[in-house]
């Protein structure tokens, strides 16, 4: 028999399949971690970009701009909205849940256009603004000249949590009284993002 035309034996195929399954089992946690890390980093960048856009619009329009977070009663849906206001003590966030709501229009910016843009990242906490917790969220108002916060005590953080999975990554957008924003890893995260090792903040 000509051995050059011999095919794979059943044992060789079984060994090959077994090796592939082992490699997949080893690689799967890394892929899951990569998915979670990529999702929360991207969401954090969107958050920082939105805040900076709101500050820029306040200065450009020479108007007070309020920035708020709206979350559904179930907690599964949340969005960011920015709108001009004439009230420095405005406590009503604009309605970022729709592109053209009947009232409280976000005439500066809103994010996201679709909830899938969050990539299953969730809102884990908020201390930014006049509210006290996730069920009592009030917007923060930016003044146009220096883009500081109208109420210095409204400084704080918006905390994002990575998609459900094996790891618990948390990222904060931390805003100070001067309106300056920084992305930092939450001190409540049980797992850590390597590129945020020296940038941690509470809560």
N, C-alpha and C. Protein backbone atom coordinates (compact mmCIF):
# COMPACT_ATOMS: atom_id res chain seq x y z
N UNK A 1 0.84 -1.20 0.00
CA UNK A 1 0.00 0.00 0.00
C UNK A 1 0.88 1.25 0.00
N UNK A 2 0.51 2.25 -0.80
CA UNK A 2 1.27 3.49 -0.88
C UNK A 2 0.94 4.37 0.33
N UNK A 3 1.90 4.56 1.28
CA UNK A 3 1.67 5.27 2.53
C UNK A 3 1.47 6.77 2.31
N UNK A 4 1.87 7.25 1.10
CA UNK A 4 1.71 8.68 0.85
C UNK A 4 0.25 9.10 0.78
N UNK A 5 -0.66 8.16 0.52
CA UNK A 5 -2.07 8.47 0.40
C UNK A 5 -2.87 8.05 1.63
N UNK A 6 -2.15 7.71 2.70
CA UNK A 6 -2.83 7.29 3.91
C UNK A 6 -3.48 8.49 4.59
N UNK A 7 -4.75 8.40 5.05
CA UNK A 7 -5.44 9.49 5.73
C UNK A 7 -5.16 9.47 7.23
N UNK A 8 -5.85 10.35 7.96
CA UNK A 8 -5.71 10.39 9.42
C UNK A 8 -6.46 9.22 10.04
N UNK A 9 -5.89 8.69 11.09
CA UNK A 9 -6.59 7.64 11.82
C UNK A 9 -7.57 8.28 12.80
N UNK A 10 -8.52 7.48 13.30
CA UNK A 10 -9.49 7.98 14.27
C UNK A 10 -8.78 8.50 15.51
N UNK A 11 -7.74 7.81 15.94
CA UNK A 11 -7.01 8.23 17.14
C UNK A 11 -6.35 9.58 16.92
N UNK A 12 -5.75 9.79 15.74
CA UNK A 12 -5.12 11.08 15.44
C UNK A 12 -6.14 12.21 15.43
N UNK A 13 -7.31 11.95 14.87
CA UNK A 13 -8.37 12.97 14.86
C UNK A 13 -8.84 13.28 16.27
N UNK A 14 -8.99 12.25 17.09
CA UNK A 14 -9.44 12.45 18.47
C UNK A 14 -8.42 13.25 19.27
N UNK A 15 -7.16 12.97 19.06
CA UNK A 15 -6.11 13.71 19.76
C UNK A 15 -6.12 15.18 19.33
N UNK A 16 -6.28 15.41 18.02
CA UNK A 16 -6.32 16.78 17.50
C UNK A 16 -7.49 17.56 18.10
N UNK A 17 -8.66 16.93 18.11
CA UNK A 17 -9.85 17.58 18.67
C UNK A 17 -9.65 17.86 20.16
N UNK A 18 -9.06 16.90 20.89
CA UNK A 18 -8.83 17.08 22.32
C UNK A 18 -7.89 18.25 22.59
N UNK A 19 -6.83 18.36 21.78
CA UNK A 19 -5.88 19.47 21.94
C UNK A 19 -6.58 20.81 21.67
N UNK A 20 -7.42 20.84 20.63
CA UNK A 20 -8.14 22.07 20.32
C UNK A 20 -9.08 22.47 21.45
N UNK A 21 -9.77 21.51 22.04
CA UNK A 21 -10.68 21.80 23.14
C UNK A 21 -9.93 22.34 24.35
N UNK A 22 -8.77 21.77 24.63
CA UNK A 22 -7.95 22.25 25.74
C UNK A 22 -7.51 23.69 25.50
N UNK A 23 -7.07 23.98 24.27
CA UNK A 23 -6.63 25.34 23.94
C UNK A 23 -7.77 26.33 24.05
N UNK A 24 -8.97 25.93 23.61
CA UNK A 24 -10.14 26.81 23.71
C UNK A 24 -10.47 27.07 25.18
N UNK A 25 -10.41 26.02 26.00
CA UNK A 25 -10.72 26.17 27.42
C UNK A 25 -9.72 27.11 28.10
N UNK A 26 -8.47 27.05 27.69
CA UNK A 26 -7.45 27.92 28.26
C UNK A 26 -7.65 29.37 27.81
N UNK A 27 -8.01 29.55 26.54
CA UNK A 27 -8.12 30.90 25.97
C UNK A 27 -9.43 31.60 26.35
N UNK A 28 -10.48 30.82 26.66
CA UNK A 28 -11.79 31.42 26.90
C UNK A 28 -11.82 32.50 27.99
N UNK A 29 -11.20 32.27 29.15
CA UNK A 29 -11.19 33.33 30.17
C UNK A 29 -10.52 34.61 29.69
N UNK A 30 -9.46 34.48 28.89
CA UNK A 30 -8.77 35.66 28.38
C UNK A 30 -9.67 36.45 27.44
N UNK A 31 -10.42 35.74 26.60
CA UNK A 31 -11.33 36.42 25.68
C UNK A 31 -12.44 37.13 26.45
N UNK A 32 -12.95 36.47 27.50
CA UNK A 32 -14.02 37.07 28.31
C UNK A 32 -13.51 38.33 29.01
N UNK A 33 -12.30 38.25 29.57
CA UNK A 33 -11.72 39.42 30.23
C UNK A 33 -11.50 40.55 29.24
N UNK A 34 -11.02 40.22 28.03
CA UNK A 34 -10.79 41.23 27.00
C UNK A 34 -12.11 41.91 26.61
N UNK A 35 -13.16 41.13 26.49
CA UNK A 35 -14.47 41.67 26.13
C UNK A 35 -14.96 42.65 27.20
N UNK A 36 -14.83 42.26 28.46
CA UNK A 36 -15.29 43.12 29.55
C UNK A 36 -14.45 44.40 29.64
N UNK A 37 -13.14 44.24 29.52
CA UNK A 37 -12.25 45.40 29.62
C UNK A 37 -12.48 46.38 28.47
N UNK A 38 -12.64 45.85 27.26
CA UNK A 38 -12.86 46.70 26.09
C UNK A 38 -14.17 47.46 26.23
N UNK A 39 -15.22 46.77 26.71
CA UNK A 39 -16.54 47.41 26.84
C UNK A 39 -16.49 48.56 27.83
N UNK A 40 -15.88 48.36 28.99
CA UNK A 40 -15.91 49.42 30.00
C UNK A 40 -14.97 50.57 29.64
N UNK A 41 -13.85 50.26 29.00
CA UNK A 41 -12.97 51.35 28.57
C UNK A 41 -13.66 52.23 27.53
N UNK A 42 -14.33 51.59 26.56
CA UNK A 42 -15.03 52.34 25.52
C UNK A 42 -16.15 53.20 26.12
N UNK A 43 -16.91 52.62 27.06
CA UNK A 43 -17.99 53.37 27.71
C UNK A 43 -17.43 54.55 28.48
N UNK A 44 -16.31 54.34 29.16
CA UNK A 44 -15.67 55.43 29.90
C UNK A 44 -15.22 56.56 28.98
N UNK A 45 -14.70 56.21 27.83
CA UNK A 45 -14.27 57.23 26.87
C UNK A 45 -15.46 58.02 26.33
N UNK A 46 -16.59 57.33 26.10
CA UNK A 46 -17.81 58.02 25.67
C UNK A 46 -18.26 59.00 26.76
N UNK A 47 -18.18 58.58 28.00
CA UNK A 47 -18.61 59.41 29.12
C UNK A 47 -17.76 60.67 29.22
N UNK A 48 -16.44 60.51 29.14
CA UNK A 48 -15.52 61.64 29.22
C UNK A 48 -15.72 62.59 28.04
N UNK A 49 -15.92 62.03 26.85
CA UNK A 49 -16.12 62.84 25.66
C UNK A 49 -17.41 63.65 25.76
N UNK A 50 -18.46 63.02 26.31
CA UNK A 50 -19.74 63.71 26.47
C UNK A 50 -19.59 64.89 27.43
N UNK A 51 -18.92 64.65 28.55
CA UNK A 51 -18.74 65.73 29.52
C UNK A 51 -17.96 66.89 28.91
N UNK A 52 -16.89 66.59 28.20
CA UNK A 52 -16.08 67.64 27.60
C UNK A 52 -16.86 68.41 26.53
N UNK A 53 -17.72 67.70 25.80
CA UNK A 53 -18.56 68.36 24.81
C UNK A 53 -19.52 69.34 25.48
N UNK A 54 -20.09 68.94 26.61
CA UNK A 54 -21.02 69.81 27.34
C UNK A 54 -20.31 71.08 27.82
N UNK A 55 -19.10 70.95 28.34
CA UNK A 55 -18.33 72.12 28.78
C UNK A 55 -18.04 73.05 27.61
N UNK A 56 -17.64 72.46 26.50
CA UNK A 56 -17.34 73.25 25.31
C UNK A 56 -18.57 74.02 24.83
N UNK A 57 -19.72 73.36 24.85
CA UNK A 57 -20.96 74.00 24.39
C UNK A 57 -21.38 75.12 25.34
N UNK A 58 -21.14 74.94 26.63
CA UNK A 58 -21.46 76.01 27.59
C UNK A 58 -20.66 77.27 27.26
N UNK A 59 -19.38 77.09 26.98
CA UNK A 59 -18.52 78.23 26.65
C UNK A 59 -18.89 78.83 25.29
N UNK A 60 -19.14 77.96 24.33
CA UNK A 60 -19.42 78.43 22.97
C UNK A 60 -20.75 79.18 22.89
N UNK A 61 -21.75 78.68 23.62
CA UNK A 61 -23.07 79.31 23.58
C UNK A 61 -23.21 80.44 24.61
N UNK A 62 -22.23 80.51 25.50
CA UNK A 62 -22.28 81.47 26.61
C UNK A 62 -23.59 81.33 27.40
N UNK A 63 -23.91 80.09 27.72
CA UNK A 63 -25.12 79.77 28.46
C UNK A 63 -24.83 78.70 29.51
N UNK A 64 -25.64 78.70 30.56
CA UNK A 64 -25.56 77.61 31.52
C UNK A 64 -25.97 76.31 30.84
N UNK A 65 -25.23 75.25 31.11
CA UNK A 65 -25.57 73.93 30.56
C UNK A 65 -25.68 72.93 31.71
N UNK A 66 -26.80 72.24 31.77
CA UNK A 66 -26.96 71.21 32.80
C UNK A 66 -26.69 69.85 32.17
N UNK A 67 -25.99 69.01 32.93
CA UNK A 67 -25.67 67.65 32.48
C UNK A 67 -26.25 66.68 33.49
N UNK A 68 -27.04 65.74 33.01
CA UNK A 68 -27.68 64.80 33.92
C UNK A 68 -27.69 63.39 33.40
N UNK A 69 -27.95 62.48 34.30
CA UNK A 69 -28.08 61.06 33.98
C UNK A 69 -29.52 60.65 34.27
N UNK A 70 -30.11 59.92 33.35
CA UNK A 70 -31.46 59.40 33.54
C UNK A 70 -31.38 57.88 33.51
N UNK A 71 -31.97 57.24 34.52
CA UNK A 71 -31.97 55.79 34.58
C UNK A 71 -33.40 55.28 34.72
N UNK A 72 -33.71 54.19 34.06
CA UNK A 72 -35.04 53.62 34.15
C UNK A 72 -35.28 53.07 35.55
N UNK A 73 -36.54 52.88 35.89
CA UNK A 73 -36.88 52.38 37.23
C UNK A 73 -36.31 50.98 37.48
N UNK A 74 -36.13 50.22 36.40
CA UNK A 74 -35.57 48.87 36.55
C UNK A 74 -34.05 48.90 36.70
N UNK A 75 -33.45 50.04 36.33
CA UNK A 75 -32.00 50.17 36.43
C UNK A 75 -31.26 49.62 35.23
N UNK A 76 -31.97 49.03 34.28
CA UNK A 76 -31.30 48.40 33.14
C UNK A 76 -30.99 49.34 32.00
N UNK A 77 -31.60 50.52 31.99
CA UNK A 77 -31.41 51.48 30.91
C UNK A 77 -30.99 52.82 31.50
N UNK A 78 -29.95 53.42 30.94
CA UNK A 78 -29.56 54.76 31.40
C UNK A 78 -28.95 55.54 30.24
N UNK A 79 -29.00 56.86 30.36
CA UNK A 79 -28.48 57.71 29.30
C UNK A 79 -27.99 59.02 29.90
N UNK A 80 -27.27 59.79 29.09
CA UNK A 80 -26.73 61.08 29.48
C UNK A 80 -27.38 62.17 28.65
N UNK A 81 -27.70 63.28 29.28
CA UNK A 81 -28.30 64.38 28.54
C UNK A 81 -27.71 65.71 28.95
N UNK A 82 -27.60 66.62 28.01
CA UNK A 82 -27.11 67.98 28.28
C UNK A 82 -28.04 68.97 27.62
N UNK A 83 -28.38 70.01 28.35
CA UNK A 83 -29.31 71.02 27.83
C UNK A 83 -28.98 72.38 28.41
N UNK A 84 -29.30 73.42 27.68
CA UNK A 84 -29.14 74.77 28.21
C UNK A 84 -30.22 75.03 29.26
N UNK A 85 -29.91 75.90 30.20
CA UNK A 85 -30.86 76.25 31.25
C UNK A 85 -30.63 77.69 31.68
N UNK A 86 -31.64 78.30 32.24
CA UNK A 86 -31.49 79.66 32.78
C UNK A 86 -31.49 79.65 34.30
N UNK A 87 -31.67 78.45 34.86
CA UNK A 87 -31.76 78.32 36.31
C UNK A 87 -30.50 77.67 36.88
N UNK A 88 -29.69 78.41 37.62
CA UNK A 88 -28.47 77.83 38.18
C UNK A 88 -28.73 76.68 39.15
N UNK A 89 -29.96 76.63 39.69
CA UNK A 89 -30.32 75.58 40.64
C UNK A 89 -31.24 74.54 40.01
N UNK A 90 -31.17 74.41 38.70
CA UNK A 90 -32.03 73.47 37.98
C UNK A 90 -31.82 72.05 38.51
N UNK A 91 -32.90 71.38 38.88
CA UNK A 91 -32.80 70.02 39.44
C UNK A 91 -33.45 68.97 38.54
N UNK A 92 -33.86 69.38 37.34
CA UNK A 92 -34.54 68.45 36.43
C UNK A 92 -33.64 68.09 35.26
N UNK A 93 -33.22 66.84 35.14
CA UNK A 93 -32.40 66.46 33.99
C UNK A 93 -33.23 66.49 32.72
N UNK A 94 -32.61 66.79 31.60
CA UNK A 94 -33.35 66.73 30.34
C UNK A 94 -33.62 65.27 30.00
N UNK A 95 -34.62 65.06 29.16
CA UNK A 95 -35.06 63.70 28.83
C UNK A 95 -34.23 63.12 27.70
N UNK A 96 -33.18 62.36 28.07
CA UNK A 96 -32.29 61.78 27.07
C UNK A 96 -32.78 60.42 26.56
N UNK A 97 -33.94 59.99 27.03
CA UNK A 97 -34.44 58.66 26.64
C UNK A 97 -35.01 58.65 25.22
N UNK A 98 -35.26 59.83 24.65
CA UNK A 98 -35.81 59.90 23.29
C UNK A 98 -35.16 61.05 22.53
N UNK A 99 -35.09 60.91 21.22
CA UNK A 99 -34.47 61.95 20.39
C UNK A 99 -35.30 63.22 20.37
N UNK A 100 -36.63 63.07 20.45
CA UNK A 100 -37.51 64.24 20.41
C UNK A 100 -38.62 64.10 21.44
N UNK A 101 -38.28 64.23 22.73
CA UNK A 101 -39.30 64.12 23.77
C UNK A 101 -40.26 65.31 23.74
N UNK A 102 -41.41 65.16 24.35
CA UNK A 102 -42.41 66.24 24.35
C UNK A 102 -42.01 67.41 25.25
N UNK A 103 -41.13 67.15 26.22
CA UNK A 103 -40.65 68.21 27.11
C UNK A 103 -39.24 67.87 27.58
N UNK A 104 -38.59 68.85 28.21
CA UNK A 104 -37.23 68.66 28.74
C UNK A 104 -36.27 68.11 27.67
N UNK A 105 -36.26 68.76 26.53
CA UNK A 105 -35.43 68.32 25.41
C UNK A 105 -33.94 68.53 25.72
N UNK A 106 -33.12 67.57 25.36
CA UNK A 106 -31.66 67.70 25.50
C UNK A 106 -31.15 68.44 24.25
N UNK A 107 -31.15 69.77 24.30
CA UNK A 107 -30.84 70.55 23.11
C UNK A 107 -29.34 70.77 22.90
N UNK A 108 -28.52 70.20 23.77
CA UNK A 108 -27.06 70.27 23.58
C UNK A 108 -26.53 68.94 23.08
N UNK A 109 -26.84 67.87 23.80
CA UNK A 109 -26.36 66.54 23.39
C UNK A 109 -27.06 65.47 24.21
N UNK A 110 -27.08 64.26 23.67
CA UNK A 110 -27.57 63.10 24.41
C UNK A 110 -26.78 61.88 23.96
N UNK A 111 -26.63 60.93 24.87
CA UNK A 111 -25.93 59.69 24.56
C UNK A 111 -26.49 58.58 25.45
N UNK A 112 -26.69 57.39 24.91
CA UNK A 112 -26.46 56.97 23.53
C UNK A 112 -27.71 57.13 22.68
N UNK A 113 -27.55 56.99 21.37
CA UNK A 113 -28.71 56.97 20.48
C UNK A 113 -29.45 55.65 20.65
N UNK A 114 -28.69 54.61 20.98
CA UNK A 114 -29.26 53.28 21.20
C UNK A 114 -28.54 52.65 22.38
N UNK A 115 -29.27 51.97 23.25
CA UNK A 115 -28.68 51.39 24.46
C UNK A 115 -27.57 50.37 24.16
N UNK A 116 -27.60 49.78 22.98
CA UNK A 116 -26.56 48.81 22.63
C UNK A 116 -25.18 49.46 22.56
N UNK A 117 -25.15 50.80 22.44
CA UNK A 117 -23.86 51.51 22.40
C UNK A 117 -23.10 51.38 23.72
N UNK A 118 -23.80 51.03 24.81
CA UNK A 118 -23.11 50.83 26.09
C UNK A 118 -22.41 49.48 26.16
N UNK A 119 -22.73 48.57 25.22
CA UNK A 119 -22.12 47.23 25.24
C UNK A 119 -22.30 46.52 26.58
N UNK A 120 -23.50 46.65 27.14
CA UNK A 120 -23.91 45.99 28.39
C UNK A 120 -23.18 46.51 29.63
N UNK A 121 -22.50 47.64 29.50
CA UNK A 121 -21.94 48.31 30.68
C UNK A 121 -23.10 48.95 31.43
N UNK A 122 -23.06 48.93 32.76
CA UNK A 122 -24.17 49.44 33.56
C UNK A 122 -23.72 50.60 34.45
N UNK A 123 -24.71 51.35 34.91
CA UNK A 123 -24.46 52.45 35.84
C UNK A 123 -24.43 51.88 37.25
N UNK A 124 -23.28 52.00 37.92
CA UNK A 124 -23.12 51.39 39.24
C UNK A 124 -23.29 52.37 40.38
N UNK A 125 -23.13 53.66 40.10
CA UNK A 125 -23.25 54.65 41.17
C UNK A 125 -23.04 56.05 40.64
N UNK A 126 -23.50 57.03 41.41
CA UNK A 126 -23.29 58.43 41.01
C UNK A 126 -23.28 59.32 42.25
N UNK A 127 -22.27 60.17 42.33
CA UNK A 127 -22.22 61.19 43.38
C UNK A 127 -22.14 62.57 42.76
N UNK A 128 -22.08 62.64 41.43
CA UNK A 128 -22.01 63.91 40.71
C UNK A 128 -23.39 64.54 40.64
N UNK A 129 -23.51 65.81 41.00
CA UNK A 129 -24.80 66.49 40.94
C UNK A 129 -25.44 66.61 42.30
N UNK A 130 -26.68 67.06 42.30
CA UNK A 130 -27.35 67.32 43.57
C UNK A 130 -28.05 66.14 44.18
N UNK A 131 -28.13 65.02 43.47
CA UNK A 131 -28.81 63.85 44.03
C UNK A 131 -27.95 63.13 45.05
N UNK A 132 -28.53 62.13 45.67
CA UNK A 132 -27.80 61.39 46.70
C UNK A 132 -27.56 59.93 46.34
N UNK A 133 -28.31 59.37 45.39
CA UNK A 133 -28.12 57.97 45.00
C UNK A 133 -28.76 57.74 43.63
N UNK A 134 -28.76 56.48 43.18
CA UNK A 134 -29.23 56.16 41.84
C UNK A 134 -30.72 56.38 41.65
N UNK A 135 -31.48 56.47 42.73
CA UNK A 135 -32.91 56.72 42.59
C UNK A 135 -33.25 58.19 42.75
N UNK A 136 -32.24 59.01 42.99
CA UNK A 136 -32.45 60.44 43.20
C UNK A 136 -31.33 61.20 42.49
N UNK A 137 -31.34 61.16 41.16
CA UNK A 137 -30.27 61.76 40.37
C UNK A 137 -30.67 63.15 39.90
N UNK A 138 -29.86 64.14 40.25
CA UNK A 138 -30.10 65.52 39.79
C UNK A 138 -28.93 65.95 38.93
N UNK A 139 -29.18 66.83 37.97
CA UNK A 139 -28.10 67.26 37.08
C UNK A 139 -27.12 68.20 37.77
N UNK A 140 -25.99 68.38 37.12
CA UNK A 140 -25.01 69.36 37.57
C UNK A 140 -25.00 70.47 36.53
N UNK A 141 -24.85 71.72 36.98
CA UNK A 141 -24.92 72.87 36.06
C UNK A 141 -23.53 73.46 35.87
N UNK A 142 -23.17 73.66 34.60
CA UNK A 142 -21.86 74.22 34.22
C UNK A 142 -22.06 75.69 33.85
N UNK A 143 -21.22 76.57 34.44
CA UNK A 143 -21.30 77.99 34.07
C UNK A 143 -20.40 78.22 32.84
N UNK A 144 -20.75 79.18 31.99
CA UNK A 144 -20.08 79.30 30.70
C UNK A 144 -18.71 79.98 30.67
N UNK A 145 -18.42 80.87 31.62
CA UNK A 145 -17.18 81.65 31.50
C UNK A 145 -15.94 80.81 31.76
N UNK A 146 -15.93 80.09 32.87
CA UNK A 146 -14.76 79.25 33.20
C UNK A 146 -15.09 77.77 33.12
N UNK A 147 -16.34 77.46 32.80
CA UNK A 147 -16.86 76.09 32.76
C UNK A 147 -16.68 75.36 34.09
N UNK A 148 -16.74 76.14 35.18
CA UNK A 148 -16.77 75.55 36.52
C UNK A 148 -18.18 75.02 36.81
N UNK A 149 -18.32 74.30 37.90
CA UNK A 149 -19.63 73.90 38.36
C UNK A 149 -20.24 75.08 39.12
N UNK A 150 -21.51 75.36 38.86
CA UNK A 150 -22.20 76.44 39.57
C UNK A 150 -22.19 76.18 41.07
N UNK A 151 -22.45 74.93 41.46
CA UNK A 151 -22.42 74.54 42.87
C UNK A 151 -21.18 73.67 43.08
N UNK A 152 -20.13 74.20 43.72
CA UNK A 152 -18.90 73.42 43.88
C UNK A 152 -19.13 72.06 44.55
N UNK A 153 -20.10 72.00 45.46
CA UNK A 153 -20.37 70.74 46.16
C UNK A 153 -21.02 69.68 45.30
N UNK A 154 -21.35 70.03 44.05
CA UNK A 154 -21.93 69.04 43.13
C UNK A 154 -20.86 68.19 42.47
N UNK A 155 -19.58 68.46 42.77
CA UNK A 155 -18.52 67.63 42.19
C UNK A 155 -18.67 66.19 42.67
N UNK A 156 -18.14 65.25 41.90
CA UNK A 156 -18.28 63.84 42.28
C UNK A 156 -17.97 62.93 41.12
N UNK A 157 -18.54 61.76 41.14
CA UNK A 157 -18.22 60.74 40.14
C UNK A 157 -19.46 60.09 39.56
N UNK A 158 -19.28 59.55 38.35
CA UNK A 158 -20.23 58.63 37.75
C UNK A 158 -19.48 57.31 37.61
N UNK A 159 -20.02 56.25 38.18
CA UNK A 159 -19.34 54.96 38.20
C UNK A 159 -19.99 53.98 37.23
N UNK A 160 -19.18 53.41 36.36
CA UNK A 160 -19.64 52.40 35.41
C UNK A 160 -19.13 51.02 35.84
N UNK A 161 -19.95 50.00 35.60
CA UNK A 161 -19.55 48.61 35.90
C UNK A 161 -19.48 47.83 34.60
N UNK A 162 -18.49 46.97 34.49
CA UNK A 162 -18.32 46.16 33.28
C UNK A 162 -19.49 45.20 33.09
N UNK A 163 -19.66 44.67 31.89
CA UNK A 163 -20.73 43.69 31.66
C UNK A 163 -20.59 42.51 32.62
N UNK A 164 -21.71 41.88 32.92
CA UNK A 164 -21.70 40.73 33.82
C UNK A 164 -20.75 39.66 33.29
N UNK A 165 -19.99 39.09 34.19
CA UNK A 165 -19.02 38.06 33.80
C UNK A 165 -18.14 37.68 34.96
N UNK A 166 -17.04 37.05 34.66
CA UNK A 166 -16.14 36.54 35.68
C UNK A 166 -15.42 37.64 36.45
N UNK A 167 -15.22 38.80 35.79
CA UNK A 167 -14.46 39.89 36.41
C UNK A 167 -15.37 41.07 36.74
N UNK A 168 -14.94 41.85 37.72
CA UNK A 168 -15.70 43.02 38.16
C UNK A 168 -14.83 44.26 38.00
N UNK A 169 -14.91 44.86 36.81
CA UNK A 169 -14.17 46.10 36.54
C UNK A 169 -15.10 47.29 36.76
N UNK A 170 -14.57 48.34 37.35
CA UNK A 170 -15.35 49.56 37.55
C UNK A 170 -14.51 50.78 37.20
N UNK A 171 -15.15 51.71 36.53
CA UNK A 171 -14.44 52.90 36.06
C UNK A 171 -15.26 54.13 36.44
N UNK A 172 -14.57 55.15 36.92
CA UNK A 172 -15.22 56.39 37.33
C UNK A 172 -14.89 57.52 36.37
N UNK A 173 -15.89 58.37 36.11
CA UNK A 173 -15.60 59.69 35.57
C UNK A 173 -15.66 60.61 36.78
N UNK A 174 -14.53 61.15 37.17
CA UNK A 174 -14.45 62.02 38.34
C UNK A 174 -14.37 63.47 37.89
N UNK A 175 -15.33 64.29 38.36
CA UNK A 175 -15.39 65.70 37.97
C UNK A 175 -15.17 66.56 39.21
N UNK A 176 -14.21 67.50 39.13
CA UNK A 176 -13.96 68.38 40.28
C UNK A 176 -14.78 69.66 40.18
N UNK A 177 -14.68 70.52 41.17
CA UNK A 177 -15.50 71.73 41.25
C UNK A 177 -15.23 72.69 40.10
N UNK A 178 -14.05 72.56 39.46
CA UNK A 178 -13.70 73.42 38.34
C UNK A 178 -14.18 72.85 37.00
N UNK A 179 -14.89 71.72 37.05
CA UNK A 179 -15.41 71.11 35.83
C UNK A 179 -14.43 70.20 35.13
N UNK A 180 -13.25 70.04 35.72
CA UNK A 180 -12.24 69.17 35.09
C UNK A 180 -12.60 67.72 35.34
N UNK A 181 -12.53 66.91 34.29
CA UNK A 181 -12.91 65.50 34.39
C UNK A 181 -11.72 64.58 34.17
N UNK A 182 -11.73 63.46 34.87
CA UNK A 182 -10.67 62.47 34.73
C UNK A 182 -11.27 61.08 34.85
N UNK A 183 -10.84 60.18 33.98
CA UNK A 183 -11.23 58.78 34.10
C UNK A 183 -10.28 58.09 35.06
N UNK A 184 -10.82 57.38 36.02
CA UNK A 184 -9.99 56.67 36.99
C UNK A 184 -10.70 55.38 37.42
N UNK A 185 -9.92 54.43 37.86
CA UNK A 185 -10.51 53.16 38.29
C UNK A 185 -11.14 53.33 39.67
N UNK A 186 -12.34 52.80 39.82
CA UNK A 186 -13.04 52.90 41.10
C UNK A 186 -12.34 52.08 42.18
N UNK A 187 -12.27 52.63 43.37
CA UNK A 187 -11.67 51.89 44.48
C UNK A 187 -12.54 50.71 44.91
N UNK A 188 -13.78 50.65 44.41
CA UNK A 188 -14.67 49.53 44.74
C UNK A 188 -14.52 48.36 43.77
N UNK A 189 -13.66 48.51 42.75
CA UNK A 189 -13.45 47.42 41.79
C UNK A 189 -12.68 46.29 42.43
N UNK A 190 -13.16 45.06 42.23
CA UNK A 190 -12.44 43.91 42.78
C UNK A 190 -11.41 43.38 41.80
N UNK A 191 -11.51 43.76 40.54
CA UNK A 191 -10.52 43.40 39.53
C UNK A 191 -10.01 44.68 38.90
N UNK A 192 -8.79 44.65 38.41
CA UNK A 192 -8.13 45.90 38.04
C UNK A 192 -7.74 45.96 36.57
N UNK A 193 -7.88 47.16 36.01
CA UNK A 193 -7.45 47.45 34.65
C UNK A 193 -6.00 47.91 34.71
N UNK A 194 -5.13 47.21 34.00
CA UNK A 194 -3.69 47.46 34.12
C UNK A 194 -3.31 48.90 33.80
N UNK A 195 -3.98 49.53 32.83
CA UNK A 195 -3.60 50.89 32.45
C UNK A 195 -4.15 51.96 33.38
N UNK A 196 -4.90 51.56 34.42
CA UNK A 196 -5.41 52.51 35.40
C UNK A 196 -4.81 52.25 36.79
N UNK A 197 -3.72 51.52 36.83
CA UNK A 197 -3.13 51.12 38.10
C UNK A 197 -2.79 52.29 39.02
N UNK A 198 -2.37 53.42 38.45
CA UNK A 198 -1.99 54.58 39.26
C UNK A 198 -3.08 55.64 39.28
N UNK A 199 -4.19 55.36 38.63
CA UNK A 199 -5.30 56.32 38.59
C UNK A 199 -6.53 55.68 39.21
N UNK A 200 -6.59 55.73 40.53
CA UNK A 200 -7.73 55.20 41.26
C UNK A 200 -8.39 56.30 42.07
N UNK A 201 -9.70 56.22 42.18
CA UNK A 201 -10.43 57.22 42.95
C UNK A 201 -11.70 56.59 43.51
N UNK A 202 -12.21 57.18 44.57
CA UNK A 202 -13.42 56.63 45.18
C UNK A 202 -14.67 57.32 44.66
N UNK A 203 -15.81 56.74 44.83
CA UNK A 203 -15.96 55.45 45.53
C UNK A 203 -15.77 54.26 44.60
